[in-house]
Amino acid sequence: PDPDGDEKLGEGGKKALTTERDARKAAEQKVKDLEKQLED
């Protein structure tokens, strides 16, 4: 299986999935920053 599961998606689906992944990475980074601020 495709590790990303992008094989069955069209061009628009791949673009939306990439946008969602980038948003998730940004959110995880923001959570880490907030946890560090909380500890500080």
PDB file of all heavy atoms in Angstrom:
ATOM      1  N   PRO A   1       0.835  -1.203   0.000  1.00  0.00           N
ATOM      2  CA  PRO A   1       0.000   0.000   0.000  1.00  0.00           C
ATOM      3  C   PRO A   1       0.866   1.248   0.000  1.00  0.00           C
ATOM      4  O   PRO A   1       1.967   1.257   0.519  1.00  0.00           O
ATOM      5  CB  PRO A   1      -0.800  -0.118   1.296  1.00  0.00           C
ATOM      6  CG  PRO A   1       0.030  -0.980   2.176  1.00  0.00           C
ATOM      7  CD  PRO A   1       0.785  -1.913   1.266  1.00  0.00           C
ATOM      8  N   ASP A   2       0.329   2.273  -0.594  1.00  0.00           N
ATOM      9  CA  ASP A   2       1.014   3.550  -0.610  1.00  0.00           C
ATOM     10  C   ASP A   2       1.043   4.075   0.827  1.00  0.00           C
ATOM     11  O   ASP A   2       0.020   4.119   1.500  1.00  0.00           O
ATOM     12  CB  ASP A   2       0.249   4.514  -1.523  1.00  0.00           C
ATOM     13  CG  ASP A   2       1.011   5.802  -1.774  1.00  0.00           C
ATOM     14  OD1 ASP A   2       2.223   5.819  -1.492  1.00  0.00           O
ATOM     15  OD2 ASP A   2       0.399   6.761  -2.256  1.00  0.00           O
ATOM     16  N   PRO A   3       2.242   4.446   1.340  1.00  0.00           N
ATOM     17  CA  PRO A   3       2.309   4.867   2.737  1.00  0.00           C
ATOM     18  C   PRO A   3       1.432   6.070   3.051  1.00  0.00           C
ATOM     19  O   PRO A   3       0.952   6.224   4.162  1.00  0.00           O
ATOM     20  CB  PRO A   3       3.781   5.196   2.950  1.00  0.00           C
ATOM     21  CG  PRO A   3       4.359   5.365   1.602  1.00  0.00           C
ATOM     22  CD  PRO A   3       3.508   4.560   0.655  1.00  0.00           C
ATOM     23  N   ASP A   4       1.221   6.914   2.091  1.00  0.00           N
ATOM     24  CA  ASP A   4       0.406   8.093   2.338  1.00  0.00           C
ATOM     25  C   ASP A   4      -1.049   7.874   1.946  1.00  0.00           C
ATOM     26  O   ASP A   4      -1.913   8.638   2.345  1.00  0.00           O
ATOM     27  CB  ASP A   4       0.951   9.292   1.556  1.00  0.00           C
ATOM     28  CG  ASP A   4       2.348   9.659   1.998  1.00  0.00           C
ATOM     29  OD1 ASP A   4       2.661   9.397   3.164  1.00  0.00           O
ATOM     30  OD2 ASP A   4       3.103  10.192   1.179  1.00  0.00           O
ATOM     31  N   GLY A   5      -1.320   6.863   1.158  1.00  0.00           N
ATOM     32  CA  GLY A   5      -2.679   6.635   0.703  1.00  0.00           C
ATOM     33  C   GLY A   5      -3.105   7.655  -0.338  1.00  0.00           C
ATOM     34  O   GLY A   5      -4.277   7.881  -0.561  1.00  0.00           O
ATOM     35  N   ASP A   6      -2.149   8.272  -1.013  1.00  0.00           N
ATOM     36  CA  ASP A   6      -2.444   9.329  -1.977  1.00  0.00           C
ATOM     37  C   ASP A   6      -2.758   8.774  -3.361  1.00  0.00           C
ATOM     38  O   ASP A   6      -3.181   9.516  -4.235  1.00  0.00           O
ATOM     39  CB  ASP A   6      -1.248  10.277  -2.115  1.00  0.00           C
ATOM     40  CG  ASP A   6      -0.929  10.990  -0.824  1.00  0.00           C
ATOM     41  OD1 ASP A   6      -1.760  10.921   0.098  1.00  0.00           O
ATOM     42  OD2 ASP A   6       0.146  11.600  -0.736  1.00  0.00           O
ATOM     43  N   GLU A   7      -2.513   7.488  -3.560  1.00  0.00           N
ATOM     44  CA  GLU A   7      -2.627   6.913  -4.903  1.00  0.00           C
ATOM     45  C   GLU A   7      -4.023   7.061  -5.480  1.00  0.00           C
ATOM     46  O   GLU A   7      -4.186   7.326  -6.656  1.00  0.00           O
ATOM     47  CB  GLU A   7      -2.233   5.429  -4.845  1.00  0.00           C
ATOM     48  CG  GLU A   7      -2.026   4.802  -6.182  1.00  0.00           C
ATOM     49  CD  GLU A   7      -0.835   5.374  -6.935  1.00  0.00           C
ATOM     50  OE1 GLU A   7       0.134   5.799  -6.297  1.00  0.00           O
ATOM     51  OE2 GLU A   7      -0.919   5.413  -8.162  1.00  0.00           O
ATOM     52  N   LYS A   8      -5.052   6.903  -4.675  1.00  0.00           N
ATOM     53  CA  LYS A   8      -6.423   6.921  -5.171  1.00  0.00           C
ATOM     54  C   LYS A   8      -7.006   8.325  -5.246  1.00  0.00           C
ATOM     55  O   LYS A   8      -8.083   8.515  -5.781  1.00  0.00           O
ATOM     56  CB  LYS A   8      -7.306   6.054  -4.270  1.00  0.00           C
ATOM     57  CG  LYS A   8      -6.868   4.606  -4.259  1.00  0.00           C
ATOM     58  CD  LYS A   8      -7.660   3.794  -3.275  1.00  0.00           C
ATOM     59  CE  LYS A   8      -7.112   2.390  -3.178  1.00  0.00           C
ATOM     60  NZ  LYS A   8      -7.710   1.620  -2.124  1.00  0.00           N
ATOM     61  N   LEU A   9      -6.298   9.299  -4.711  1.00  0.00           N
ATOM     62  CA  LEU A   9      -6.808  10.666  -4.701  1.00  0.00           C
ATOM     63  C   LEU A   9      -6.499  11.360  -6.010  1.00  0.00           C
ATOM     64  O   LEU A   9      -5.509  11.081  -6.674  1.00  0.00           O
ATOM     65  CB  LEU A   9      -6.169  11.454  -3.555  1.00  0.00           C
ATOM     66  CG  LEU A   9      -6.427  10.940  -2.147  1.00  0.00           C
ATOM     67  CD1 LEU A   9      -5.656  11.767  -1.158  1.00  0.00           C
ATOM     68  CD2 LEU A   9      -7.904  10.970  -1.833  1.00  0.00           C
ATOM     69  N   GLY A  10      -7.332  12.278  -6.356  1.00  0.00           N
ATOM     70  CA  GLY A  10      -7.073  13.096  -7.537  1.00  0.00           C
ATOM     71  C   GLY A  10      -6.144  14.236  -7.167  1.00  0.00           C
ATOM     72  O   GLY A  10      -5.623  14.322  -6.045  1.00  0.00           O
ATOM     73  N   GLU A  11      -5.938  15.127  -8.109  1.00  0.00           N
ATOM     74  CA  GLU A  11      -5.045  16.260  -7.877  1.00  0.00           C
ATOM     75  C   GLU A  11      -5.560  17.162  -6.754  1.00  0.00           C
ATOM     76  O   GLU A  11      -4.802  17.593  -5.891  1.00  0.00           O
ATOM     77  CB  GLU A  11      -4.894  17.064  -9.181  1.00  0.00           C
ATOM     78  CG  GLU A  11      -3.724  18.004  -9.196  1.00  0.00           C
ATOM     79  CD  GLU A  11      -2.395  17.280  -9.116  1.00  0.00           C
ATOM     80  OE1 GLU A  11      -2.250  16.160  -9.638  1.00  0.00           O
ATOM     81  OE2 GLU A  11      -1.480  17.847  -8.489  1.00  0.00           O
ATOM     82  N   GLY A  12      -6.847  17.413  -6.727  1.00  0.00           N
ATOM     83  CA  GLY A  12      -7.427  18.254  -5.676  1.00  0.00           C
ATOM     84  C   GLY A  12      -7.342  17.586  -4.310  1.00  0.00           C
ATOM     85  O   GLY A  12      -7.082  18.235  -3.297  1.00  0.00           O
ATOM     86  N   GLY A  13      -7.555  16.270  -4.283  1.00  0.00           N
ATOM     87  CA  GLY A  13      -7.469  15.535  -3.015  1.00  0.00           C
ATOM     88  C   GLY A  13      -6.060  15.534  -2.460  1.00  0.00           C
ATOM     89  O   GLY A  13      -5.849  15.662  -1.257  1.00  0.00           O
ATOM     90  N   LYS A  14      -5.081  15.371  -3.347  1.00  0.00           N
ATOM     91  CA  LYS A  14      -3.688  15.398  -2.899  1.00  0.00           C
ATOM     92  C   LYS A  14      -3.329  16.767  -2.329  1.00  0.00           C
ATOM     93  O   LYS A  14      -2.648  16.869  -1.321  1.00  0.00           O
ATOM     94  CB  LYS A  14      -2.762  15.064  -4.066  1.00  0.00           C
ATOM     95  CG  LYS A  14      -2.790  13.613  -4.470  1.00  0.00           C
ATOM     96  CD  LYS A  14      -1.844  13.364  -5.625  1.00  0.00           C
ATOM     97  CE  LYS A  14      -1.925  11.915  -6.095  1.00  0.00           C
ATOM     98  NZ  LYS A  14      -1.025  11.659  -7.226  1.00  0.00           N
ATOM     99  N   LYS A  15      -3.823  17.808  -2.983  1.00  0.00           N
ATOM    100  CA  LYS A  15      -3.533  19.173  -2.512  1.00  0.00           C
ATOM    101  C   LYS A  15      -4.169  19.416  -1.140  1.00  0.00           C
ATOM    102  O   LYS A  15      -3.536  19.979  -0.243  1.00  0.00           O
ATOM    103  CB  LYS A  15      -4.061  20.186  -3.531  1.00  0.00           C
ATOM    104  CG  LYS A  15      -3.674  21.604  -3.227  1.00  0.00           C
ATOM    105  CD  LYS A  15      -4.132  22.536  -4.325  1.00  0.00           C
ATOM    106  CE  LYS A  15      -3.758  23.969  -4.016  1.00  0.00           C
ATOM    107  NZ  LYS A  15      -4.261  24.889  -5.041  1.00  0.00           N
ATOM    108  N   ALA A  16      -5.414  18.959  -0.976  1.00  0.00           N
ATOM    109  CA  ALA A  16      -6.098  19.124   0.307  1.00  0.00           C
ATOM    110  C   ALA A  16      -5.396  18.322   1.401  1.00  0.00           C
ATOM    111  O   ALA A  16      -5.251  18.789   2.538  1.00  0.00           O
ATOM    112  CB  ALA A  16      -7.558  18.695   0.179  1.00  0.00           C
ATOM    113  N   LEU A  17      -4.947  17.107   1.064  1.00  0.00           N
ATOM    114  CA  LEU A  17      -4.252  16.271   2.040  1.00  0.00           C
ATOM    115  C   LEU A  17      -2.931  16.911   2.457  1.00  0.00           C
ATOM    116  O   LEU A  17      -2.585  16.916   3.648  1.00  0.00           O
ATOM    117  CB  LEU A  17      -4.010  14.878   1.445  1.00  0.00           C
ATOM    118  CG  LEU A  17      -3.475  13.831   2.394  1.00  0.00           C
ATOM    119  CD1 LEU A  17      -4.434  13.620   3.560  1.00  0.00           C
ATOM    120  CD2 LEU A  17      -3.258  12.526   1.659  1.00  0.00           C
ATOM    121  N   THR A  18      -2.215  17.475   1.508  1.00  0.00           N
ATOM    122  CA  THR A  18      -0.955  18.151   1.827  1.00  0.00           C
ATOM    123  C   THR A  18      -1.205  19.352   2.727  1.00  0.00           C
ATOM    124  O   THR A  18      -0.471  19.578   3.692  1.00  0.00           O
ATOM    125  CB  THR A  18      -0.269  18.612   0.523  1.00  0.00           C
ATOM    126  OG1 THR A  18      -0.079  17.484  -0.320  1.00  0.00           O
ATOM    127  CG2 THR A  18       1.060  19.258   0.803  1.00  0.00           C
ATOM    128  N   THR A  19      -2.254  20.094   2.445  1.00  0.00           N
ATOM    129  CA  THR A  19      -2.604  21.252   3.273  1.00  0.00           C
ATOM    130  C   THR A  19      -2.933  20.811   4.693  1.00  0.00           C
ATOM    131  O   THR A  19      -2.489  21.434   5.665  1.00  0.00           O
ATOM    132  CB  THR A  19      -3.799  22.006   2.654  1.00  0.00           C
ATOM    133  OG1 THR A  19      -3.484  22.342   1.312  1.00  0.00           O
ATOM    134  CG2 THR A  19      -4.116  23.258   3.439  1.00  0.00           C
ATOM    135  N   GLU A  20      -3.690  19.721   4.810  1.00  0.00           N
ATOM    136  CA  GLU A  20      -4.052  19.206   6.142  1.00  0.00           C
ATOM    137  C   GLU A  20      -2.818  18.746   6.903  1.00  0.00           C
ATOM    138  O   GLU A  20      -2.683  18.981   8.103  1.00  0.00           O
ATOM    139  CB  GLU A  20      -5.045  18.042   6.009  1.00  0.00           C
ATOM    140  CG  GLU A  20      -6.453  18.466   5.700  1.00  0.00           C
ATOM    141  CD  GLU A  20      -7.051  19.289   6.828  1.00  0.00           C
ATOM    142  OE1 GLU A  20      -6.865  18.943   8.011  1.00  0.00           O
ATOM    143  OE2 GLU A  20      -7.722  20.291   6.521  1.00  0.00           O
ATOM    144  N   ARG A  21      -1.902  18.073   6.214  1.00  0.00           N
ATOM    145  CA  ARG A  21      -0.677  17.603   6.877  1.00  0.00           C
ATOM    146  C   ARG A  21       0.170  18.771   7.363  1.00  0.00           C
ATOM    147  O   ARG A  21       0.730  18.730   8.463  1.00  0.00           O
ATOM    148  CB  ARG A  21       0.115  16.722   5.927  1.00  0.00           C
ATOM    149  CG  ARG A  21      -0.529  15.375   5.724  1.00  0.00           C
ATOM    150  CD  ARG A  21       0.261  14.523   4.785  1.00  0.00           C
ATOM    151  NE  ARG A  21      -0.394  13.248   4.588  1.00  0.00           N
ATOM    152  CZ  ARG A  21      -0.218  12.468   3.549  1.00  0.00           C
ATOM    153  NH1 ARG A  21       0.618  12.818   2.606  1.00  0.00           N
ATOM    154  NH2 ARG A  21      -0.861  11.319   3.444  1.00  0.00           N
ATOM    155  N   ASP A  22       0.304  19.787   6.537  1.00  0.00           N
ATOM    156  CA  ASP A  22       1.064  20.968   6.943  1.00  0.00           C
ATOM    157  C   ASP A  22       0.421  21.656   8.144  1.00  0.00           C
ATOM    158  O   ASP A  22       1.118  22.086   9.072  1.00  0.00           O
ATOM    159  CB  ASP A  22       1.181  21.957   5.777  1.00  0.00           C
ATOM    160  CG  ASP A  22       2.060  21.425   4.651  1.00  0.00           C
ATOM    161  OD1 ASP A  22       2.845  20.483   4.906  1.00  0.00           O
ATOM    162  OD2 ASP A  22       1.955  21.958   3.530  1.00  0.00           O
ATOM    163  N   ALA A  23      -0.908  21.735   8.134  1.00  0.00           N
ATOM    164  CA  ALA A  23      -1.621  22.346   9.258  1.00  0.00           C
ATOM    165  C   ALA A  23      -1.415  21.524  10.530  1.00  0.00           C
ATOM    166  O   ALA A  23      -1.251  22.082  11.623  1.00  0.00           O
ATOM    167  CB  ALA A  23      -3.109  22.458   8.939  1.00  0.00           C
ATOM    168  N   ARG A  24      -1.406  20.202  10.386  1.00  0.00           N
ATOM    169  CA  ARG A  24      -1.200  19.344  11.557  1.00  0.00           C
ATOM    170  C   ARG A  24       0.202  19.530  12.124  1.00  0.00           C
ATOM    171  O   ARG A  24       0.380  19.626  13.345  1.00  0.00           O
ATOM    172  CB  ARG A  24      -1.414  17.884  11.177  1.00  0.00           C
ATOM    173  CG  ARG A  24      -1.215  16.967  12.357  1.00  0.00           C
ATOM    174  CD  ARG A  24      -1.453  15.541  12.014  1.00  0.00           C
ATOM    175  NE  ARG A  24      -1.168  14.711  13.174  1.00  0.00           N
ATOM    176  CZ  ARG A  24      -1.113  13.411  13.146  1.00  0.00           C
ATOM    177  NH1 ARG A  24      -1.335  12.768  12.028  1.00  0.00           N
ATOM    178  NH2 ARG A  24      -0.842  12.740  14.229  1.00  0.00           N
ATOM    179  N   LYS A  25       1.210  19.607  11.251  1.00  0.00           N
ATOM    180  CA  LYS A  25       2.578  19.828  11.729  1.00  0.00           C
ATOM    181  C   LYS A  25       2.687  21.159  12.459  1.00  0.00           C
ATOM    182  O   LYS A  25       3.332  21.255  13.504  1.00  0.00           O
ATOM    183  CB  LYS A  25       3.554  19.793  10.551  1.00  0.00           C
ATOM    184  CG  LYS A  25       3.819  18.411  10.016  1.00  0.00           C
ATOM    185  CD  LYS A  25       4.776  18.463   8.838  1.00  0.00           C
ATOM    186  CE  LYS A  25       4.926  17.097   8.195  1.00  0.00           C
ATOM    187  NZ  LYS A  25       5.789  17.140   7.003  1.00  0.00           N
ATOM    188  N   ALA A  26       2.063  22.176  11.906  1.00  0.00           N
ATOM    189  CA  ALA A  26       2.097  23.493  12.544  1.00  0.00           C
ATOM    190  C   ALA A  26       1.402  23.453  13.901  1.00  0.00           C
ATOM    191  O   ALA A  26       1.877  24.044  14.883  1.00  0.00           O
ATOM    192  CB  ALA A  26       1.441  24.532  11.640  1.00  0.00           C
ATOM    193  N   ALA A  27       0.280  22.727  13.971  1.00  0.00           N
ATOM    194  CA  ALA A  27      -0.447  22.625  15.237  1.00  0.00           C
ATOM    195  C   ALA A  27       0.373  21.863  16.276  1.00  0.00           C
ATOM    196  O   ALA A  27       0.408  22.248  17.456  1.00  0.00           O
ATOM    197  CB  ALA A  27      -1.793  21.945  15.012  1.00  0.00           C
ATOM    198  N   GLU A  28       1.042  20.784  15.857  1.00  0.00           N
ATOM    199  CA  GLU A  28       1.884  20.030  16.795  1.00  0.00           C
ATOM    200  C   GLU A  28       3.033  20.885  17.307  1.00  0.00           C
ATOM    201  O   GLU A  28       3.381  20.836  18.489  1.00  0.00           O
ATOM    202  CB  GLU A  28       2.408  18.770  16.121  1.00  0.00           C
ATOM    203  CG  GLU A  28       1.353  17.699  15.923  1.00  0.00           C
ATOM    204  CD  GLU A  28       1.866  16.491  15.150  1.00  0.00           C
ATOM    205  OE1 GLU A  28       3.018  16.541  14.645  1.00  0.00           O
ATOM    206  OE2 GLU A  28       1.117  15.512  15.047  1.00  0.00           O
ATOM    207  N   GLN A  29       3.625  21.686  16.431  1.00  0.00           N
ATOM    208  CA  GLN A  29       4.704  22.574  16.857  1.00  0.00           C
ATOM    209  C   GLN A  29       4.192  23.620  17.830  1.00  0.00           C
ATOM    210  O   GLN A  29       4.849  23.941  18.820  1.00  0.00           O
ATOM    211  CB  GLN A  29       5.344  23.251  15.626  1.00  0.00           C
ATOM    212  CG  GLN A  29       6.518  24.132  15.962  1.00  0.00           C
ATOM    213  CD  GLN A  29       7.666  23.351  16.560  1.00  0.00           C
ATOM    214  OE1 GLN A  29       7.941  22.229  16.167  1.00  0.00           O
ATOM    215  NE2 GLN A  29       8.327  23.941  17.530  1.00  0.00           N
ATOM    216  N   LYS A  30       2.999  24.122  17.576  1.00  0.00           N
ATOM    217  CA  LYS A  30       2.415  25.116  18.468  1.00  0.00           C
ATOM    218  C   LYS A  30       2.138  24.505  19.839  1.00  0.00           C
ATOM    219  O   LYS A  30       2.366  25.146  20.870  1.00  0.00           O
ATOM    220  CB  LYS A  30       1.124  25.674  17.862  1.00  0.00           C
ATOM    221  CG  LYS A  30       0.554  26.839  18.618  1.00  0.00           C
ATOM    222  CD  LYS A  30      -0.632  27.446  17.892  1.00  0.00           C
ATOM    223  CE  LYS A  30      -1.152  28.650  18.657  1.00  0.00           C
ATOM    224  NZ  LYS A  30      -2.281  29.273  17.969  1.00  0.00           N
ATOM    225  N   VAL A  31       1.683  23.241  19.857  1.00  0.00           N
ATOM    226  CA  VAL A  31       1.434  22.552  21.131  1.00  0.00           C
ATOM    227  C   VAL A  31       2.737  22.410  21.906  1.00  0.00           C
ATOM    228  O   VAL A  31       2.783  22.647  23.120  1.00  0.00           O
ATOM    229  CB  VAL A  31       0.771  21.174  20.882  1.00  0.00           C
ATOM    230  CG1 VAL A  31       0.803  20.318  22.126  1.00  0.00           C
ATOM    231  CG2 VAL A  31      -0.658  21.354  20.399  1.00  0.00           C
ATOM    232  N   LYS A  32       3.812  22.036  21.220  1.00  0.00           N
ATOM    233  CA  LYS A  32       5.109  21.893  21.895  1.00  0.00           C
ATOM    234  C   LYS A  32       5.566  23.225  22.476  1.00  0.00           C
ATOM    235  O   LYS A  32       6.065  23.282  23.594  1.00  0.00           O
ATOM    236  CB  LYS A  32       6.155  21.365  20.915  1.00  0.00           C
ATOM    237  CG  LYS A  32       5.989  19.906  20.586  1.00  0.00           C
ATOM    238  CD  LYS A  32       7.057  19.460  19.609  1.00  0.00           C
ATOM    239  CE  LYS A  32       6.835  18.021  19.184  1.00  0.00           C
ATOM    240  NZ  LYS A  32       7.830  17.569  18.199  1.00  0.00           N
ATOM    241  N   ASP A  33       5.390  24.294  21.700  1.00  0.00           N
ATOM    242  CA  ASP A  33       5.786  25.621  22.183  1.00  0.00           C
ATOM    243  C   ASP A  33       4.964  26.027  23.412  1.00  0.00           C
ATOM    244  O   ASP A  33       5.502  26.566  24.386  1.00  0.00           O
ATOM    245  CB  ASP A  33       5.618  26.666  21.084  1.00  0.00           C
ATOM    246  CG  ASP A  33       6.615  26.483  19.948  1.00  0.00           C
ATOM    247  OD1 ASP A  33       7.638  25.791  20.156  1.00  0.00           O
ATOM    248  OD2 ASP A  33       6.355  27.038  18.855  1.00  0.00           O
ATOM    249  N   LEU A  34       3.678  25.757  23.371  1.00  0.00           N
ATOM    250  CA  LEU A  34       2.822  26.113  24.506  1.00  0.00           C
ATOM    251  C   LEU A  34       3.161  25.278  25.746  1.00  0.00           C
ATOM    252  O   LEU A  34       3.131  25.792  26.871  1.00  0.00           O
ATOM    253  CB  LEU A  34       1.346  25.942  24.131  1.00  0.00           C
ATOM    254  CG  LEU A  34       0.806  26.965  23.123  1.00  0.00           C
ATOM    255  CD1 LEU A  34      -0.617  26.600  22.715  1.00  0.00           C
ATOM    256  CD2 LEU A  34       0.868  28.368  23.691  1.00  0.00           C
ATOM    257  N   GLU A  35       3.484  23.990  25.544  1.00  0.00           N
ATOM    258  CA  GLU A  35       3.887  23.160  26.684  1.00  0.00           C
ATOM    259  C   GLU A  35       5.173  23.694  27.310  1.00  0.00           C
ATOM    260  O   GLU A  35       5.315  23.712  28.532  1.00  0.00           O
ATOM    261  CB  GLU A  35       4.074  21.713  26.244  1.00  0.00           C
ATOM    262  CG  GLU A  35       2.780  20.977  25.976  1.00  0.00           C
ATOM    263  CD  GLU A  35       3.005  19.580  25.418  1.00  0.00           C
ATOM    264  OE1 GLU A  35       4.164  19.234  25.059  1.00  0.00           O
ATOM    265  OE2 GLU A  35       2.027  18.828  25.336  1.00  0.00           O
ATOM    266  N   LYS A  36       6.104  24.139  26.463  1.00  0.00           N
ATOM    267  CA  LYS A  36       7.345  24.700  26.984  1.00  0.00           C
ATOM    268  C   LYS A  36       7.073  25.992  27.742  1.00  0.00           C
ATOM    269  O   LYS A  36       7.644  26.229  28.815  1.00  0.00           O
ATOM    270  CB  LYS A  36       8.325  24.959  25.839  1.00  0.00           C
ATOM    271  CG  LYS A  36       9.676  25.405  26.340  1.00  0.00           C
ATOM    272  CD  LYS A  36      10.662  25.550  25.212  1.00  0.00           C
ATOM    273  CE  LYS A  36      11.985  26.001  25.803  1.00  0.00           C
ATOM    274  NZ  LYS A  36      12.978  26.237  24.798  1.00  0.00           N
ATOM    275  N   GLN A  37       6.192  26.815  27.213  1.00  0.00           N
ATOM    276  CA  GLN A  37       5.835  28.053  27.915  1.00  0.00           C
ATOM    277  C   GLN A  37       5.164  27.750  29.252  1.00  0.00           C
ATOM    278  O   GLN A  37       5.398  28.444  30.239  1.00  0.00           O
ATOM    279  CB  GLN A  37       4.905  28.904  27.053  1.00  0.00           C
ATOM    280  CG  GLN A  37       5.579  29.588  25.904  1.00  0.00           C
ATOM    281  CD  GLN A  37       4.599  30.401  25.071  1.00  0.00           C
ATOM    282  OE1 GLN A  37       3.411  30.477  25.360  1.00  0.00           O
ATOM    283  NE2 GLN A  37       5.118  31.003  23.999  1.00  0.00           N
ATOM    284  N   LEU A  38       4.362  26.713  29.282  1.00  0.00           N
ATOM    285  CA  LEU A  38       3.700  26.328  30.523  1.00  0.00           C
ATOM    286  C   LEU A  38       4.730  25.878  31.555  1.00  0.00           C
ATOM    287  O   LEU A  38       4.654  26.258  32.726  1.00  0.00           O
ATOM    288  CB  LEU A  38       2.680  25.209  30.264  1.00  0.00           C
ATOM    289  CG  LEU A  38       1.895  24.716  31.467  1.00  0.00           C
ATOM    290  CD1 LEU A  38       1.022  25.840  32.029  1.00  0.00           C
ATOM    291  CD2 LEU A  38       1.051  23.516  31.096  1.00  0.00           C
ATOM    292  N   GLU A  39       5.703  25.084  31.117  1.00  0.00           N
ATOM    293  CA  GLU A  39       6.754  24.653  32.037  1.00  0.00           C
ATOM    294  C   GLU A  39       7.558  25.850  32.530  1.00  0.00           C
ATOM    295  O   GLU A  39       7.918  25.926  33.706  1.00  0.00           O
ATOM    296  CB  GLU A  39       7.684  23.657  31.340  1.00  0.00           C
ATOM    297  CG  GLU A  39       7.087  22.292  31.131  1.00  0.00           C
ATOM    298  CD  GLU A  39       8.038  21.373  30.384  1.00  0.00           C
ATOM    299  OE1 GLU A  39       9.256  21.667  30.318  1.00  0.00           O
ATOM    300  OE2 GLU A  39       7.562  20.347  29.879  1.00  0.00           O
ATOM    301  N   ASP A  40       7.849  26.786  31.621  1.00  0.00           N
ATOM    302  CA  ASP A  40       8.609  27.968  32.003  1.00  0.00           C
ATOM    303  C   ASP A  40       7.820  28.856  32.961  1.00  0.00           C
ATOM    304  O   ASP A  40       8.390  29.490  33.848  1.00  0.00           O
ATOM    305  CB  ASP A  40       9.009  28.784  30.761  1.00  0.00           C
ATOM    306  CG  ASP A  40      10.105  28.112  29.958  1.00  0.00           C
ATOM    307  OD1 ASP A  40      10.763  27.191  30.492  1.00  0.00           O
ATOM    308  OD2 ASP A  40      10.304  28.505  28.782  1.00  0.00           O
TER     309      ASP A  40
END
